[in-house]
Amino acid sequence: MNTPGRKTVSIFILALLVVGFTLTSGCVGVINPTPSEVMIRGNLISVDPVYVDGTFIWQLLLHPNAYETEMIDAVDGYLVPENPVIELGAGIGVLSAYINDQLTMSVNQVSVEPNPYLIPGLEMTKKTNALGTTFVQKAIGYDADMVEISTTSNIMNNRIVDSGGIVESVNVETTTVQKLADAAGFSSNVTLVMDIVGYEHSVVQYEADYLSTHVNTVIAAVYTDGRNTPDSFSAKMQLIGFKEKSRVVAEEGYTVMVFTK
């Protein structure tokens, strides 16, 4: 190789080293290289790096189909395309979009996300992928008209918190599964999908009558919280007429469970 060629290669390598050092030294905010969109399972998912942790976004970029694989598998095995869907805990919308792709009528889906900072991204995902999902910015709750929801950049930690706590939070209006179904005109054979960090136990407790008469399938990420465990969740579901069809422990520690009538 001639001298000019060697010089060009050296400059290129040096440039790569500078970029690599910048990314690994915590200076990402200076050049803001984190993308705002990730292609996952055929849908372009909007992820605003201002509100979503950058490390999480890069993990999605490196391993896009590794996200929520257990929930995806449960949907593949038990979703009835003809039935309407209510999803609690949309997050960044990966599962929301995947479910919508499977439905016979794409408008027969309501996805709830309490974190207001994630709603613009969800609406962008809806527009980009021509989804029929209706996104609702509310929280599931039964004891008050408003609750406080934590809004950390780690979306896995967004949950109802105690008023006056040290965690950054916002006040969010509450709703119920029945109210969501009534507003959407879903009268029967509803598929309920839940990833609400432990609050799935309360849904069964407070809406047992509605679930037993209007819901046909439940796909839930079930968390252990004190006496609430996957076993206790299964027992509650069986009491209202459901049969456990599947149980898989996810890498994140929760258990993905499926119940049908």
Protein backbone atom coordinates (compact mmCIF):
# COMPACT_ATOMS: atom_id res chain seq x y z
CA MET A 1 0.00 0.00 0.00
CA ASN A 2 1.34 3.48 -0.84
CA THR A 3 1.87 6.16 1.81
CA PRO A 4 -1.30 8.22 1.03
CA GLY A 5 -3.33 5.01 1.29
CA ARG A 6 -1.84 4.19 4.67
CA LYS A 7 -2.59 7.72 5.85
CA THR A 8 -6.24 7.45 4.75
CA VAL A 9 -6.70 4.14 6.56
CA SER A 10 -5.07 5.54 9.70
CA ILE A 11 -7.38 8.55 9.73
CA PHE A 12 -10.42 6.29 9.26
CA ILE A 13 -9.38 4.02 12.13
CA LEU A 14 -8.70 7.03 14.35
CA ALA A 15 -12.17 8.39 13.57
CA LEU A 16 -13.75 5.07 14.53
CA LEU A 17 -11.81 5.03 17.80
CA VAL A 18 -12.95 8.57 18.63
CA VAL A 19 -16.60 7.66 17.99
CA GLY A 20 -16.26 4.48 20.01
CA PHE A 21 -14.65 6.33 22.89
CA THR A 22 -17.39 8.97 22.83
CA LEU A 23 -20.15 6.35 22.94
CA THR A 24 -18.56 4.38 25.76
CA SER A 25 -17.47 7.34 27.90
CA GLY A 26 -20.94 8.62 28.66
CA CYS A 27 -20.76 11.50 26.16
CA VAL A 28 -23.67 10.32 24.03
CA GLY A 29 -25.62 13.41 24.94
CA VAL A 30 -23.09 15.59 23.15
CA ILE A 31 -23.62 14.05 19.72
CA ASN A 32 -26.95 12.31 20.49
CA PRO A 33 -26.43 9.26 18.26
CA THR A 34 -29.32 7.27 19.74
CA PRO A 35 -31.95 6.58 17.05
CA SER A 36 -35.62 7.34 17.54
CA GLU A 37 -36.99 4.35 15.61
CA VAL A 38 -36.39 0.60 15.80
CA MET A 39 -37.70 -2.04 13.40
CA ILE A 40 -39.19 -4.89 15.45
CA ARG A 41 -41.13 -7.81 13.97
CA GLY A 42 -42.11 -5.92 10.84
CA ASN A 43 -43.15 -2.67 12.53
CA LEU A 44 -41.18 0.56 12.89
CA ILE A 45 -41.42 1.39 16.60
CA SER A 46 -40.95 5.00 17.71
CA VAL A 47 -38.69 5.36 20.77
CA ASP A 48 -37.96 8.95 21.75
CA PRO A 49 -34.50 8.93 23.42
CA VAL A 50 -35.52 11.97 25.46
CA TYR A 51 -37.93 9.80 27.47
CA VAL A 52 -36.76 6.23 26.83
CA ASP A 53 -33.43 5.00 28.25
CA GLY A 54 -30.72 5.03 25.55
CA THR A 55 -29.21 1.73 26.68
CA PHE A 56 -32.60 0.09 26.29
CA ILE A 57 -32.96 1.49 22.77
CA TRP A 58 -29.55 0.15 21.75
CA GLN A 59 -30.47 -3.26 23.15
CA LEU A 60 -33.54 -3.20 20.93
CA LEU A 61 -31.38 -2.31 17.94
CA LEU A 62 -28.95 -5.15 18.60
CA HIS A 63 -31.57 -7.77 19.47
CA PRO A 64 -34.94 -6.48 18.18
CA ASN A 65 -36.78 -9.80 18.26
CA ALA A 66 -35.64 -10.65 21.80
CA TYR A 67 -38.04 -8.11 23.33
CA GLU A 68 -41.13 -9.61 25.02
CA THR A 69 -40.63 -12.96 23.29
CA GLU A 70 -42.73 -14.81 25.85
CA MET A 71 -45.68 -12.46 25.35
CA ILE A 72 -45.25 -12.70 21.59
CA ASP A 73 -45.28 -16.51 21.81
CA ALA A 74 -48.45 -16.40 23.92
CA VAL A 75 -50.13 -14.17 21.33
CA ASP A 76 -49.03 -16.53 18.55
CA GLY A 77 -50.51 -19.49 20.37
CA TYR A 78 -53.74 -18.13 21.79
CA LEU A 79 -54.89 -14.89 20.15
CA VAL A 80 -58.20 -15.27 18.31
CA PRO A 81 -57.97 -12.82 15.37
CA GLU A 82 -61.73 -12.33 15.18
CA ASN A 83 -62.05 -11.24 18.82
CA PRO A 84 -61.59 -7.67 20.11
CA VAL A 85 -58.52 -6.92 22.24
CA ILE A 86 -57.96 -4.74 25.28
CA GLU A 87 -54.29 -4.33 26.14
CA LEU A 88 -53.24 -2.91 29.49
CA GLY A 89 -49.70 -1.52 29.54
CA ALA A 90 -48.73 -0.68 25.98
CA GLY A 91 -45.23 0.56 26.85
CA ILE A 92 -43.45 1.52 23.62
CA GLY A 93 -46.02 -0.38 21.55
CA VAL A 94 -44.09 -3.44 20.33
CA LEU A 95 -46.74 -5.92 21.47
CA SER A 96 -49.53 -3.48 20.55
CA ALA A 97 -48.36 -3.37 16.94
CA TYR A 98 -47.73 -7.11 16.76
CA ILE A 99 -51.24 -7.90 18.04
CA ASN A 100 -52.81 -5.42 15.65
CA ASP A 101 -51.15 -7.11 12.70
CA GLN A 102 -52.91 -10.36 13.60
CA LEU A 103 -56.46 -9.02 13.97
CA THR A 104 -59.14 -9.58 11.36
CA MET A 105 -60.40 -6.04 12.03
CA SER A 106 -57.52 -3.81 13.10
CA VAL A 107 -59.83 -1.26 14.76
CA ASN A 108 -60.93 -3.87 17.30
CA GLN A 109 -58.08 -3.05 19.68
CA VAL A 110 -57.71 -0.64 22.57
CA SER A 111 -54.27 -0.28 24.15
CA VAL A 112 -53.86 1.59 27.43
CA GLU A 113 -50.67 3.35 28.51
CA PRO A 114 -50.62 5.59 31.60
CA ASN A 115 -47.26 7.30 30.96
CA PRO A 116 -48.06 10.50 29.03
CA TYR A 117 -44.48 10.77 27.75
CA LEU A 118 -44.88 7.54 25.78
CA ILE A 119 -48.12 8.52 24.04
CA PRO A 120 -46.56 10.65 21.26
CA GLY A 121 -44.30 7.73 20.35
CA LEU A 122 -47.23 5.34 20.33
CA GLU A 123 -49.21 7.64 18.06
CA MET A 124 -46.22 7.94 15.73
CA THR A 125 -45.90 4.13 15.65
CA LYS A 126 -49.61 3.91 14.84
CA LYS A 127 -49.30 6.39 11.99
CA THR A 128 -46.10 4.94 10.54
CA ASN A 129 -47.42 1.39 10.46
CA ALA A 130 -51.07 2.21 9.67
CA LEU A 131 -52.30 0.46 12.81
CA GLY A 132 -55.95 0.41 13.83
CA THR A 133 -55.21 0.47 17.55
CA THR A 134 -56.77 3.15 19.74
CA PHE A 135 -54.25 4.30 22.36
CA VAL A 136 -55.72 5.54 25.64
CA GLN A 137 -53.63 7.51 28.13
CA LYS A 138 -55.11 6.32 31.42
CA ALA A 139 -54.28 3.96 34.28
CA ILE A 140 -56.27 1.01 35.52
CA GLY A 141 -57.50 1.87 39.00
CA TYR A 142 -60.38 1.16 41.35
CA ASP A 143 -59.98 3.20 44.54
CA ALA A 144 -59.63 6.71 43.11
CA ASP A 145 -60.34 8.81 40.04
CA MET A 146 -56.64 9.71 39.77
CA VAL A 147 -53.41 7.89 40.62
CA GLU A 148 -49.72 8.77 40.48
CA ILE A 149 -47.64 6.93 37.89
CA SER A 150 -43.84 6.87 38.00
CA THR A 151 -42.23 8.17 34.80
CA THR A 152 -38.63 6.96 34.85
CA SER A 153 -36.77 6.47 31.56
CA ASN A 154 -36.68 2.75 32.38
CA ILE A 155 -40.18 1.94 31.16
CA MET A 156 -40.12 -1.40 33.00
CA ASN A 157 -40.41 0.59 36.25
CA ASN A 158 -43.42 2.71 35.31
CA ARG A 159 -46.11 1.86 37.83
CA ILE A 160 -48.55 3.28 40.37
CA VAL A 161 -46.64 4.88 43.25
CA ASP A 162 -47.55 6.37 46.62
CA SER A 163 -48.43 10.04 46.64
CA GLY A 164 -45.62 12.27 47.81
CA GLY A 165 -42.86 9.77 47.05
CA ILE A 166 -39.38 10.69 45.86
CA VAL A 167 -39.84 9.03 42.44
CA GLU A 168 -40.72 11.35 39.56
CA SER A 169 -44.39 10.85 38.77
CA VAL A 170 -47.48 12.31 37.13
CA ASN A 171 -51.17 12.25 37.99
CA VAL A 172 -53.18 10.06 35.64
CA GLU A 173 -56.92 9.51 35.29
CA THR A 174 -58.09 5.97 36.04
CA THR A 175 -60.35 3.64 34.12
CA THR A 176 -61.43 0.00 34.19
CA VAL A 177 -61.54 -2.87 31.73
CA GLN A 178 -65.33 -2.65 31.61
CA LYS A 179 -65.28 1.10 30.87
CA LEU A 180 -62.77 0.57 28.09
CA ALA A 181 -64.84 -2.21 26.55
CA ASP A 182 -68.08 -0.25 26.79
CA ALA A 183 -66.51 2.83 25.19
CA ALA A 184 -65.15 0.73 22.32
CA GLY A 185 -68.36 -1.25 21.85
CA PHE A 186 -66.76 -4.60 22.74
CA SER A 187 -69.66 -6.69 24.04
CA SER A 188 -68.27 -10.22 24.29
CA ASN A 189 -65.37 -12.62 23.65
CA VAL A 190 -62.80 -9.99 24.59
CA THR A 191 -59.12 -10.91 24.71
CA LEU A 192 -57.46 -9.17 27.66
CA VAL A 193 -53.69 -8.66 27.47
CA MET A 194 -51.98 -7.33 30.61
CA ASP A 195 -48.47 -6.17 31.47
CA ILE A 196 -49.08 -3.78 34.34
CA VAL A 197 -46.35 -4.72 36.82
CA GLY A 198 -48.32 -6.51 39.51
CA TYR A 199 -51.64 -4.73 39.13
CA GLU A 200 -53.04 -7.66 37.14
CA HIS A 201 -54.03 -9.21 40.47
CA SER A 202 -56.24 -6.19 41.24
CA VAL A 203 -57.91 -6.39 37.83
CA VAL A 204 -59.09 -9.92 38.58
CA GLN A 205 -60.11 -9.00 42.10
CA TYR A 206 -62.15 -5.91 41.23
CA GLU A 207 -63.54 -6.97 37.84
CA ALA A 208 -64.21 -10.65 38.40
CA ASP A 209 -67.85 -10.43 37.31
CA TYR A 210 -67.03 -8.61 34.10
CA LEU A 211 -64.14 -10.92 33.19
CA SER A 212 -66.23 -14.02 33.83
CA THR A 213 -69.02 -12.90 31.50
CA HIS A 214 -67.35 -10.85 28.75
CA VAL A 215 -63.72 -11.96 28.47
CA ASN A 216 -62.77 -15.13 26.61
CA THR A 217 -58.96 -15.13 26.78
CA VAL A 218 -56.44 -13.58 29.20
CA ILE A 219 -52.75 -13.22 28.37
CA ALA A 220 -50.91 -11.73 31.32
CA ALA A 221 -47.42 -10.94 32.54
CA VAL A 222 -47.85 -12.00 36.17
CA TYR A 223 -45.58 -10.54 38.84
CA THR A 224 -44.92 -11.81 42.35
CA ASP A 225 -45.77 -9.15 44.92
CA GLY A 226 -46.04 -10.29 48.52
CA ARG A 227 -48.73 -12.96 48.68
CA ASN A 228 -49.61 -12.38 45.04
CA THR A 229 -47.88 -15.04 42.95
CA PRO A 230 -48.52 -16.86 39.66
CA ASP A 231 -50.13 -19.66 41.65
CA SER A 232 -52.49 -17.31 43.48
CA PHE A 233 -53.29 -15.55 40.19
CA SER A 234 -54.15 -18.89 38.62
CA ALA A 235 -56.37 -19.78 41.56
CA LYS A 236 -58.28 -16.49 41.20
CA MET A 237 -58.74 -17.05 37.48
CA GLN A 238 -60.04 -20.57 38.01
CA LEU A 239 -62.58 -19.29 40.53
CA ILE A 240 -64.15 -17.09 37.83
CA GLY A 241 -64.32 -19.84 35.23
CA PHE A 242 -60.97 -19.76 33.39
CA LYS A 243 -58.57 -22.62 32.70
CA GLU A 244 -54.83 -22.12 32.74
CA LYS A 245 -53.43 -23.05 29.32
CA SER A 246 -49.82 -21.92 29.48
CA ARG A 247 -47.17 -20.71 31.93
CA VAL A 248 -43.66 -19.54 30.95
CA VAL A 249 -41.13 -17.71 33.13
CA ALA A 250 -39.65 -14.74 31.25
CA GLU A 251 -36.00 -13.76 31.49
CA GLU A 252 -37.04 -10.55 33.23
CA GLY A 253 -38.49 -12.56 36.13
CA TYR A 254 -42.23 -12.28 35.58
CA THR A 255 -44.37 -15.21 34.40
CA VAL A 256 -46.39 -15.10 31.21
CA MET A 257 -49.69 -16.93 31.73
CA VAL A 258 -52.57 -17.70 29.39
CA PHE A 259 -56.15 -18.49 30.43
CA THR A 260 -59.18 -19.33 28.33
CA LYS A 261 -62.82 -20.15 29.02
